[in-house]
Amino acid sequence: MDIFTFPDGDENFLYAYIIMILVFIAASFTVSRLKRANKRLAEEESKRNEKEEQNSSHINNNKRK
């Protein structure tokens, strides 16, 4: 049985459909959490880079004086 064929009414595959739904919900939840974590990491890295640039420009300005 592949994913696109549905069983006959004689067989009881309700448990399989419930498990498939739960697996898809878990996968969706995991993907959304990973996307959110990746986005947060990128924002933190950009903030860190901005701070480093400000610190290096501040140090360079102090050296010039």
PDB file of N, CA and C in Angstrom:
ATOM      1  N   MET A   1       0.851  -1.179   0.000  1.00  0.00           N
ATOM      2  CA  MET A   1       0.000   0.000   0.000  1.00  0.00           C
ATOM      3  C   MET A   1       0.891   1.234   0.000  1.00  0.00           C
ATOM      4  N   ASP A   2       0.723   2.081  -0.984  1.00  0.00           N
ATOM      5  CA  ASP A   2       1.491   3.312  -0.958  1.00  0.00           C
ATOM      6  C   ASP A   2       0.640   4.435  -0.378  1.00  0.00           C
ATOM      7  N   ILE A   3       1.185   5.621  -0.339  1.00  0.00           N
ATOM      8  CA  ILE A   3       0.544   6.710   0.404  1.00  0.00           C
ATOM      9  C   ILE A   3      -0.745   7.204  -0.261  1.00  0.00           C
ATOM     10  N   PHE A   4      -0.930   6.952  -1.549  1.00  0.00           N
ATOM     11  CA  PHE A   4      -2.088   7.500  -2.250  1.00  0.00           C
ATOM     12  C   PHE A   4      -3.258   6.529  -2.381  1.00  0.00           C
ATOM     13  N   THR A   5      -3.057   5.290  -2.004  1.00  0.00           N
ATOM     14  CA  THR A   5      -4.175   4.340  -2.076  1.00  0.00           C
ATOM     15  C   THR A   5      -4.830   4.234  -0.713  1.00  0.00           C
ATOM     16  N   PHE A   6      -6.126   4.174  -0.699  1.00  0.00           N
ATOM     17  CA  PHE A   6      -6.870   4.072   0.540  1.00  0.00           C
ATOM     18  C   PHE A   6      -7.375   2.649   0.694  1.00  0.00           C
ATOM     19  N   PRO A   7      -7.343   2.136   1.900  1.00  0.00           N
ATOM     20  CA  PRO A   7      -7.786   0.760   2.106  1.00  0.00           C
ATOM     21  C   PRO A   7      -9.296   0.619   1.919  1.00  0.00           C
ATOM     22  N   ASP A   8      -9.709  -0.605   1.682  1.00  0.00           N
ATOM     23  CA  ASP A   8     -11.140  -0.887   1.566  1.00  0.00           C
ATOM     24  C   ASP A   8     -11.808  -0.687   2.924  1.00  0.00           C
ATOM     25  N   GLY A   9     -13.120  -0.596   2.892  1.00  0.00           N
ATOM     26  CA  GLY A   9     -13.859  -0.411   4.130  1.00  0.00           C
ATOM     27  C   GLY A   9     -13.808  -1.616   5.048  1.00  0.00           C
ATOM     28  N   ASP A  10     -13.418  -2.758   4.524  1.00  0.00           N
ATOM     29  CA  ASP A  10     -13.376  -3.967   5.336  1.00  0.00           C
ATOM     30  C   ASP A  10     -12.240  -3.931   6.355  1.00  0.00           C
ATOM     31  N   GLU A  11     -11.144  -3.306   5.975  1.00  0.00           N
ATOM     32  CA  GLU A  11      -9.976  -3.273   6.856  1.00  0.00           C
ATOM     33  C   GLU A  11     -10.063  -2.073   7.794  1.00  0.00           C
ATOM     34  N   ASN A  12      -9.572  -2.251   8.988  1.00  0.00           N
ATOM     35  CA  ASN A  12      -9.631  -1.180   9.977  1.00  0.00           C
ATOM     36  C   ASN A  12      -8.280  -0.460  10.034  1.00  0.00           C
ATOM     37  N   PHE A  13      -8.164   0.635   9.290  1.00  0.00           N
ATOM     38  CA  PHE A  13      -6.920   1.394   9.252  1.00  0.00           C
ATOM     39  C   PHE A  13      -7.058   2.746   9.935  1.00  0.00           C
ATOM     40  N   LEU A  14      -8.069   2.907  10.758  1.00  0.00           N
ATOM     41  CA  LEU A  14      -8.277   4.184  11.426  1.00  0.00           C
ATOM     42  C   LEU A  14      -7.077   4.565  12.288  1.00  0.00           C
ATOM     43  N   TYR A  15      -6.498   3.598  12.990  1.00  0.00           N
ATOM     44  CA  TYR A  15      -5.344   3.888  13.829  1.00  0.00           C
ATOM     45  C   TYR A  15      -4.179   4.413  12.997  1.00  0.00           C
ATOM     46  N   ALA A  16      -4.013   3.891  11.801  1.00  0.00           N
ATOM     47  CA  ALA A  16      -2.914   4.342  10.944  1.00  0.00           C
ATOM     48  C   ALA A  16      -3.126   5.793  10.519  1.00  0.00           C
ATOM     49  N   TYR A  17      -4.361   6.162  10.208  1.00  0.00           N
ATOM     50  CA  TYR A  17      -4.641   7.549   9.828  1.00  0.00           C
ATOM     51  C   TYR A  17      -4.413   8.492  10.999  1.00  0.00           C
ATOM     52  N   ILE A  18      -4.799   8.064  12.190  1.00  0.00           N
ATOM     53  CA  ILE A  18      -4.588   8.899  13.375  1.00  0.00           C
ATOM     54  C   ILE A  18      -3.094   9.094  13.629  1.00  0.00           C
ATOM     55  N   ILE A  19      -2.333   8.035  13.510  1.00  0.00           N
ATOM     56  CA  ILE A  19      -0.883   8.136  13.707  1.00  0.00           C
ATOM     57  C   ILE A  19      -0.249   9.022  12.637  1.00  0.00           C
ATOM     58  N   MET A  20      -0.692   8.894  11.390  1.00  0.00           N
ATOM     59  CA  MET A  20      -0.153   9.746  10.327  1.00  0.00           C
ATOM     60  C   MET A  20      -0.457  11.212  10.603  1.00  0.00           C
ATOM     61  N   ILE A  21      -1.659  11.502  11.071  1.00  0.00           N
ATOM     62  CA  ILE A  21      -2.016  12.883  11.395  1.00  0.00           C
ATOM     63  C   ILE A  21      -1.124  13.401  12.522  1.00  0.00           C
ATOM     64  N   LEU A  22      -0.907  12.595  13.552  1.00  0.00           N
ATOM     65  CA  LEU A  22      -0.048  13.010  14.655  1.00  0.00           C
ATOM     66  C   LEU A  22       1.396  13.237  14.205  1.00  0.00           C
ATOM     67  N   VAL A  23       1.871  12.382  13.315  1.00  0.00           N
ATOM     68  CA  VAL A  23       3.241  12.557  12.799  1.00  0.00           C
ATOM     69  C   VAL A  23       3.344  13.838  11.983  1.00  0.00           C
ATOM     70  N   PHE A  24       2.358  14.130  11.158  1.00  0.00           N
ATOM     71  CA  PHE A  24       2.390  15.364  10.368  1.00  0.00           C
ATOM     72  C   PHE A  24       2.300  16.594  11.271  1.00  0.00           C
ATOM     73  N   ILE A  25       1.504  16.535  12.328  1.00  0.00           N
ATOM     74  CA  ILE A  25       1.419  17.661  13.266  1.00  0.00           C
ATOM     75  C   ILE A  25       2.765  17.855  13.968  1.00  0.00           C
ATOM     76  N   ALA A  26       3.382  16.772  14.396  1.00  0.00           N
ATOM     77  CA  ALA A  26       4.686  16.866  15.057  1.00  0.00           C
ATOM     78  C   ALA A  26       5.746  17.419  14.110  1.00  0.00           C
ATOM     79  N   ALA A  27       5.722  16.992  12.854  1.00  0.00           N
ATOM     80  CA  ALA A  27       6.686  17.497  11.879  1.00  0.00           C
ATOM     81  C   ALA A  27       6.465  18.983  11.625  1.00  0.00           C
ATOM     82  N   SER A  28       5.226  19.387  11.509  1.00  0.00           N
ATOM     83  CA  SER A  28       4.921  20.801  11.297  1.00  0.00           C
ATOM     84  C   SER A  28       5.388  21.638  12.480  1.00  0.00           C
ATOM     85  N   PHE A  29       5.136  21.145  13.689  1.00  0.00           N
ATOM     86  CA  PHE A  29       5.569  21.848  14.892  1.00  0.00           C
ATOM     87  C   PHE A  29       7.090  21.966  14.931  1.00  0.00           C
ATOM     88  N   THR A  30       7.776  20.882  14.607  1.00  0.00           N
ATOM     89  CA  THR A  30       9.240  20.885  14.625  1.00  0.00           C
ATOM     90  C   THR A  30       9.808  21.855  13.599  1.00  0.00           C
ATOM     91  N   VAL A  31       9.258  21.845  12.399  1.00  0.00           N
ATOM     92  CA  VAL A  31       9.743  22.755  11.358  1.00  0.00           C
ATOM     93  C   VAL A  31       9.519  24.206  11.759  1.00  0.00           C
ATOM     94  N   SER A  32       8.365  24.512  12.328  1.00  0.00           N
ATOM     95  CA  SER A  32       8.108  25.895  12.735  1.00  0.00           C
ATOM     96  C   SER A  32       9.050  26.315  13.854  1.00  0.00           C
ATOM     97  N   ARG A  33       9.341  25.428  14.785  1.00  0.00           N
ATOM     98  CA  ARG A  33      10.286  25.763  15.866  1.00  0.00           C
ATOM     99  C   ARG A  33      11.691  25.981  15.321  1.00  0.00           C
ATOM    100  N   LEU A  34      12.107  25.146  14.373  1.00  0.00           N
ATOM    101  CA  LEU A  34      13.438  25.306  13.787  1.00  0.00           C
ATOM    102  C   LEU A  34      13.545  26.605  12.999  1.00  0.00           C
ATOM    103  N   LYS A  35      12.503  26.963  12.261  1.00  0.00           N
ATOM    104  CA  LYS A  35      12.518  28.227  11.523  1.00  0.00           C
ATOM    105  C   LYS A  35      12.610  29.404  12.480  1.00  0.00           C
ATOM    106  N   ARG A  36      11.825  29.352  13.558  1.00  0.00           N
ATOM    107  CA  ARG A  36      11.838  30.443  14.534  1.00  0.00           C
ATOM    108  C   ARG A  36      13.217  30.556  15.195  1.00  0.00           C
ATOM    109  N   ALA A  37      13.825  29.431  15.538  1.00  0.00           N
ATOM    110  CA  ALA A  37      15.144  29.445  16.170  1.00  0.00           C
ATOM    111  C   ALA A  37      16.204  29.971  15.211  1.00  0.00           C
ATOM    112  N   ASN A  38      16.105  29.584  13.955  1.00  0.00           N
ATOM    113  CA  ASN A  38      17.065  30.055  12.953  1.00  0.00           C
ATOM    114  C   ASN A  38      16.929  31.558  12.745  1.00  0.00           C
ATOM    115  N   LYS A  39      15.705  32.045  12.720  1.00  0.00           N
ATOM    116  CA  LYS A  39      15.464  33.478  12.553  1.00  0.00           C
ATOM    117  C   LYS A  39      16.013  34.249  13.750  1.00  0.00           C
ATOM    118  N   ARG A  40      15.772  33.745  14.952  1.00  0.00           N
ATOM    119  CA  ARG A  40      16.270  34.390  16.167  1.00  0.00           C
ATOM    120  C   ARG A  40      17.791  34.414  16.174  1.00  0.00           C
ATOM    121  N   LEU A  41      18.420  33.333  15.758  1.00  0.00           N
ATOM    122  CA  LEU A  41      19.878  33.263  15.708  1.00  0.00           C
ATOM    123  C   LEU A  41      20.440  34.279  14.725  1.00  0.00           C
ATOM    124  N   ALA A  42      19.799  34.425  13.566  1.00  0.00           N
ATOM    125  CA  ALA A  42      20.253  35.390  12.570  1.00  0.00           C
ATOM    126  C   ALA A  42      20.124  36.815  13.107  1.00  0.00           C
ATOM    127  N   GLU A  43      19.045  37.106  13.817  1.00  0.00           N
ATOM    128  CA  GLU A  43      18.870  38.444  14.392  1.00  0.00           C
ATOM    129  C   GLU A  43      19.928  38.731  15.456  1.00  0.00           C
ATOM    130  N   GLU A  44      20.207  37.758  16.308  1.00  0.00           N
ATOM    131  CA  GLU A  44      21.232  37.947  17.331  1.00  0.00           C
ATOM    132  C   GLU A  44      22.606  38.153  16.703  1.00  0.00           C
ATOM    133  N   GLU A  45      22.890  37.419  15.645  1.00  0.00           N
ATOM    134  CA  GLU A  45      24.183  37.563  14.982  1.00  0.00           C
ATOM    135  C   GLU A  45      24.319  38.929  14.324  1.00  0.00           C
ATOM    136  N   SER A  46      23.244  39.412  13.722  1.00  0.00           N
ATOM    137  CA  SER A  46      23.318  40.737  13.105  1.00  0.00           C
ATOM    138  C   SER A  46      23.493  41.815  14.167  1.00  0.00           C
ATOM    139  N   LYS A  47      22.830  41.671  15.317  1.00  0.00           N
ATOM    140  CA  LYS A  47      23.023  42.628  16.411  1.00  0.00           C
ATOM    141  C   LYS A  47      24.454  42.580  16.920  1.00  0.00           C
ATOM    142  N   ARG A  48      25.003  41.376  17.045  1.00  0.00           N
ATOM    143  CA  ARG A  48      26.381  41.224  17.508  1.00  0.00           C
ATOM    144  C   ARG A  48      27.353  41.873  16.531  1.00  0.00           C
ATOM    145  N   ASN A  49      27.113  41.698  15.235  1.00  0.00           N
ATOM    146  CA  ASN A  49      27.974  42.312  14.224  1.00  0.00           C
ATOM    147  C   ASN A  49      27.891  43.831  14.288  1.00  0.00           C
ATOM    148  N   GLU A  50      26.693  44.360  14.508  1.00  0.00           N
ATOM    149  CA  GLU A  50      26.546  45.812  14.616  1.00  0.00           C
ATOM    150  C   GLU A  50      27.307  46.341  15.826  1.00  0.00           C
ATOM    151  N   LYS A  51      27.234  45.631  16.949  1.00  0.00           N
ATOM    152  CA  LYS A  51      27.965  46.057  18.140  1.00  0.00           C
ATOM    153  C   LYS A  51      29.465  46.017  17.901  1.00  0.00           C
ATOM    154  N   GLU A  52      29.950  44.977  17.234  1.00  0.00           N
ATOM    155  CA  GLU A  52      31.383  44.873  16.947  1.00  0.00           C
ATOM    156  C   GLU A  52      31.833  46.007  16.037  1.00  0.00           C
ATOM    157  N   GLU A  53      31.010  46.351  15.051  1.00  0.00           N
ATOM    158  CA  GLU A  53      31.360  47.455  14.168  1.00  0.00           C
ATOM    159  C   GLU A  53      31.401  48.774  14.933  1.00  0.00           C
ATOM    160  N   GLN A  54      30.452  48.975  15.841  1.00  0.00           N
ATOM    161  CA  GLN A  54      30.441  50.200  16.633  1.00  0.00           C
ATOM    162  C   GLN A  54      31.659  50.252  17.546  1.00  0.00           C
ATOM    163  N   ASN A  55      32.002  49.135  18.165  1.00  0.00           N
ATOM    164  CA  ASN A  55      33.170  49.104  19.042  1.00  0.00           C
ATOM    165  C   ASN A  55      34.456  49.346  18.265  1.00  0.00           C
ATOM    166  N   SER A  56      34.583  48.746  17.104  1.00  0.00           N
ATOM    167  CA  SER A  56      35.803  48.938  16.327  1.00  0.00           C
ATOM    168  C   SER A  56      35.903  50.371  15.812  1.00  0.00           C
ATOM    169  N   SER A  57      34.795  50.975  15.434  1.00  0.00           N
ATOM    170  CA  SER A  57      34.843  52.364  14.985  1.00  0.00           C
ATOM    171  C   SER A  57      35.139  53.288  16.150  1.00  0.00           C
ATOM    172  N   HIS A  58      34.628  52.962  17.336  1.00  0.00           N
ATOM    173  CA  HIS A  58      34.896  53.760  18.529  1.00  0.00           C
ATOM    174  C   HIS A  58      36.376  53.669  18.900  1.00  0.00           C
ATOM    175  N   ILE A  59      36.951  52.479  18.810  1.00  0.00           N
ATOM    176  CA  ILE A  59      38.377  52.289  19.112  1.00  0.00           C
ATOM    177  C   ILE A  59      39.215  53.040  18.087  1.00  0.00           C
ATOM    178  N   ASN A  60      38.862  52.968  16.823  1.00  0.00           N
ATOM    179  CA  ASN A  60      39.607  53.683  15.788  1.00  0.00           C
ATOM    180  C   ASN A  60      39.536  55.179  16.002  1.00  0.00           C
ATOM    181  N   ASN A  61      38.393  55.690  16.401  1.00  0.00           N
ATOM    182  CA  ASN A  61      38.258  57.123  16.663  1.00  0.00           C
ATOM    183  C   ASN A  61      39.127  57.541  17.841  1.00  0.00           C
ATOM    184  N   ASN A  62      39.217  56.712  18.864  1.00  0.00           N
ATOM    185  CA  ASN A  62      40.052  57.031  20.012  1.00  0.00           C
ATOM    186  C   ASN A  62      41.531  57.008  19.644  1.00  0.00           C
ATOM    187  N   LYS A  63      41.926  56.119  18.734  1.00  0.00           N
ATOM    188  CA  LYS A  63      43.338  56.048  18.317  1.00  0.00           C
ATOM    189  C   LYS A  63      43.718  57.295  17.528  1.00  0.00           C
ATOM    190  N   ARG A  64      42.806  57.842  16.777  1.00  0.00           N
ATOM    191  CA  ARG A  64      43.085  59.017  15.963  1.00  0.00           C
ATOM    192  C   ARG A  64      43.324  60.266  16.817  1.00  0.00           C
ATOM    193  N   LYS A  65      42.726  60.316  17.971  1.00  0.00           N
ATOM    194  CA  LYS A  65      42.842  61.504  18.825  1.00  0.00           C
ATOM    195  C   LYS A  65      44.140  61.593  19.508  1.00  0.00           C
TER     196      LYS A  65
END
